[in-house]
Protein backbone atom coordinates (compact mmCIF):
# COMPACT_ATOMS: atom_id res chain seq x y z
CA MET A 1 -30.85 21.20 97.18
CA SER A 2 -28.09 18.96 98.32
CA ASN A 3 -30.01 15.75 98.85
CA THR A 4 -30.36 13.32 95.94
CA ASN A 5 -33.90 12.43 97.03
CA ASP A 6 -34.89 16.11 96.90
CA LEU A 7 -33.59 16.31 93.33
CA LEU A 8 -35.50 13.20 92.30
CA ASP A 9 -38.69 14.53 93.94
CA LEU A 10 -38.28 17.81 92.04
CA ILE A 11 -37.82 15.92 88.78
CA GLU A 12 -40.93 13.80 89.30
CA LEU A 13 -43.03 16.78 90.42
CA LYS A 14 -42.07 19.03 87.52
CA GLN A 15 -42.49 16.40 84.86
CA SER A 16 -45.78 15.00 86.13
CA LYS A 17 -47.55 18.36 86.65
CA ASN A 18 -46.15 20.58 83.89
CA LEU A 19 -45.47 18.06 81.13
CA LYS A 20 -42.19 19.84 80.50
CA TYR A 21 -38.76 18.28 80.38
CA ILE A 22 -36.08 19.35 82.83
CA LEU A 23 -32.73 20.47 81.43
CA VAL A 24 -29.59 19.03 82.97
CA LYS A 25 -25.95 19.73 82.26
CA SER A 26 -23.41 16.93 82.38
CA THR A 27 -20.67 17.64 84.91
CA ALA A 28 -18.54 14.51 84.46
CA GLY A 29 -17.49 12.11 81.74
CA HIS A 30 -16.67 12.55 78.08
CA ASP A 31 -19.91 14.50 77.63
CA LYS A 32 -19.04 17.08 80.32
CA GLY A 33 -20.66 20.43 79.53
CA SER A 34 -23.35 18.97 77.26
CA TRP A 35 -27.03 19.68 77.85
CA TYR A 36 -29.72 16.99 77.99
CA VAL A 37 -33.29 16.50 79.15
CA ILE A 38 -34.33 13.96 81.74
CA VAL A 39 -36.58 11.32 80.23
CA PRO A 40 -38.91 9.59 82.69
CA THR A 41 -38.85 5.81 82.30
CA ALA A 42 -40.32 2.79 84.07
CA GLU A 43 -36.76 1.49 84.54
CA SER A 44 -35.65 4.36 86.79
CA GLU A 45 -33.29 3.46 89.63
CA PRO A 46 -32.53 5.49 92.75
CA GLY A 47 -29.53 7.72 92.17
CA PHE A 48 -29.71 7.55 88.38
CA VAL A 49 -31.53 9.43 85.61
CA TYR A 50 -32.03 8.63 81.94
CA ILE A 51 -31.11 11.46 79.61
CA ALA A 52 -31.29 12.24 75.90
CA ASP A 53 -30.32 15.06 73.56
CA GLY A 54 -31.74 13.77 70.27
CA ARG A 55 -28.29 13.76 68.67
CA ARG A 56 -25.67 11.60 70.38
CA ARG A 57 -28.18 10.08 72.80
CA LYS A 58 -31.43 9.47 71.02
CA LEU A 59 -34.74 8.53 72.58
CA GLY A 60 -34.27 4.92 71.49
CA THR A 61 -30.91 4.67 73.29
CA LEU A 62 -31.15 6.73 76.47
CA LYS A 63 -28.03 7.34 78.54
CA LYS A 64 -28.15 6.19 82.15
CA LYS A 65 -26.30 8.82 84.20
CA ASN A 66 -25.50 9.03 87.90
CA ILE A 67 -27.42 11.94 89.44
CA LYS A 68 -24.14 13.10 91.00
CA HIS A 69 -22.73 13.65 87.49
CA VAL A 70 -25.40 16.08 86.27
CA GLU A 71 -26.35 19.58 87.31
CA VAL A 72 -30.13 19.72 87.59
CA THR A 73 -31.37 23.14 86.52
CA ARG A 74 -34.65 24.89 87.02
CA LYS A 75 -34.90 25.32 83.25
CA THR A 76 -37.42 23.30 81.30
CA VAL A 77 -38.25 22.79 77.66
CA GLU A 78 -41.75 22.15 76.45
CA LEU A 79 -42.01 19.97 73.39
CA GLU A 80 -45.11 19.68 71.24
CA HIS A 81 -43.93 16.32 69.88
CA PHE A 82 -41.36 14.34 71.82
CA THR A 83 -39.10 13.28 68.95
CA ASP A 84 -35.35 13.32 68.41
CA LYS A 85 -35.74 16.16 65.93
CA SER A 86 -37.75 18.39 68.29
CA LEU A 87 -35.33 17.58 71.11
CA ARG A 88 -32.30 18.54 68.99
CA LYS A 89 -33.99 21.80 68.05
CA ALA A 90 -34.86 22.64 71.67
CA LEU A 91 -31.32 21.93 72.92
CA TRP A 92 -29.40 23.45 70.00
CA GLU A 93 -28.88 26.87 71.62
CA TYR A 94 -27.79 25.28 74.89
CA ASN A 95 -25.24 22.94 73.29
CA PHE A 96 -23.97 25.17 70.49
CA GLY A 97 -25.32 28.68 71.06
CA ASN A 98 -25.06 31.38 73.70
CA PHE A 99 -27.31 29.87 76.40
CA GLY A 100 -24.90 27.25 77.64
CA GLU A 101 -21.19 27.29 78.19
CA ARG A 102 -19.43 24.11 77.05
CA GLY A 103 -16.45 22.69 78.73
């Protein structure tokens, strides 16, 4: 998938049908290598996504990130309750464990 519109369509499709949150990895900026989930918002703009990790970027202060600066994965996390605590727990292994490689 090289087209930004294809990525955005995939994001909308996965989140609307499966009620799961798509994992993305930051590829640029001071947070390069960190894992986040895409949070659907009414304020979405073409070419940008809003992301959170429950730790540095909480649900109350989402980070607006250029879609070119994240690697959209086919991995999803399913959260019973969408809270900062459950988000931190779901992303812990990706950010600090063996699932994801930082840096």
